[in-house]
Protein backbone atom coordinates (compact mmCIF):
# COMPACT_ATOMS: atom_id res chain seq x y z
CA MET A 1 39.72 -104.81 107.82
CA ASP A 2 40.88 -107.39 110.32
CA MET A 3 43.12 -109.90 108.57
CA THR A 4 44.38 -111.55 111.75
CA GLY A 5 44.82 -115.24 111.11
CA ALA A 6 44.70 -114.97 107.31
CA ARG A 7 46.69 -117.76 105.66
CA TRP A 8 47.83 -116.47 102.29
CA ARG A 9 48.58 -118.74 99.34
CA THR A 10 49.40 -118.24 95.69
CA SER A 11 47.95 -120.09 92.76
CA THR A 12 49.41 -123.48 91.94
CA ARG A 13 49.75 -122.11 88.39
CA SER A 14 51.99 -119.26 89.54
CA SER A 15 55.66 -119.43 88.74
CA ASN A 16 58.41 -118.67 91.24
CA ASN A 17 60.06 -116.04 89.05
CA GLY A 18 58.31 -112.99 90.54
CA GLY A 19 55.64 -112.84 87.86
CA ASP A 20 52.15 -111.46 88.05
CA CYS A 21 50.42 -113.31 90.87
CA VAL A 22 47.72 -112.82 93.42
CA GLU A 23 47.52 -114.26 96.90
CA VAL A 24 44.28 -115.56 98.36
CA ALA A 25 43.27 -116.13 101.98
CA ASP A 26 40.10 -118.22 102.14
CA ASN A 27 40.37 -119.51 105.69
CA LEU A 28 38.49 -116.68 107.42
CA PRO A 29 34.76 -117.06 108.13
CA GLY A 30 32.49 -115.35 105.63
CA ARG A 31 35.14 -113.75 103.45
CA VAL A 32 37.85 -114.38 100.90
CA LEU A 33 40.73 -111.91 100.73
CA VAL A 34 42.81 -111.24 97.60
CA ARG A 35 45.97 -109.14 97.24
CA ASP A 36 48.82 -108.55 94.78
CA SER A 37 51.81 -110.72 95.67
CA LYS A 38 54.23 -108.00 94.50
CA ASP A 39 52.57 -105.24 96.56
CA ARG A 40 51.17 -106.85 99.70
CA ASP A 41 50.55 -103.48 101.35
CA GLY A 42 48.90 -101.99 98.26
CA GLY A 43 45.36 -103.00 99.19
CA THR A 44 43.22 -106.05 99.72
CA LEU A 45 40.01 -107.01 97.99
CA ARG A 46 37.30 -108.76 99.98
CA PHE A 47 34.72 -111.14 98.51
CA GLY A 48 31.93 -113.22 99.95
CA PRO A 49 32.49 -116.97 99.58
CA ASP A 50 29.68 -117.38 97.03
CA ALA A 51 30.98 -114.55 94.85
CA TRP A 52 34.50 -115.98 95.00
CA ARG A 53 33.33 -119.50 94.03
CA ALA A 54 31.37 -118.04 91.10
CA PHE A 55 34.42 -116.06 89.93
CA VAL A 56 36.77 -119.06 90.16
CA GLY A 57 34.21 -121.26 88.40
CA LEU A 58 33.99 -118.85 85.49
CA ALA A 59 37.74 -118.22 85.37
CA THR A 60 38.61 -121.91 85.20
CA ARG A 61 36.18 -122.91 82.45
CA SER A 62 37.87 -124.32 79.40
């Protein structure tokens, strides 16, 4: 998978103490990439933008 140009970011709710975090790159056309911040070479998940928005919408419901 070509990840050239991916700009990775962590959640604003993540702490800086090396906890359990994911990194997201949502700047590439037609895909959202997700990886483990503690194991950046351990694999990358790929989602379509609509699927990612649906997931985030469900995950952030109160």
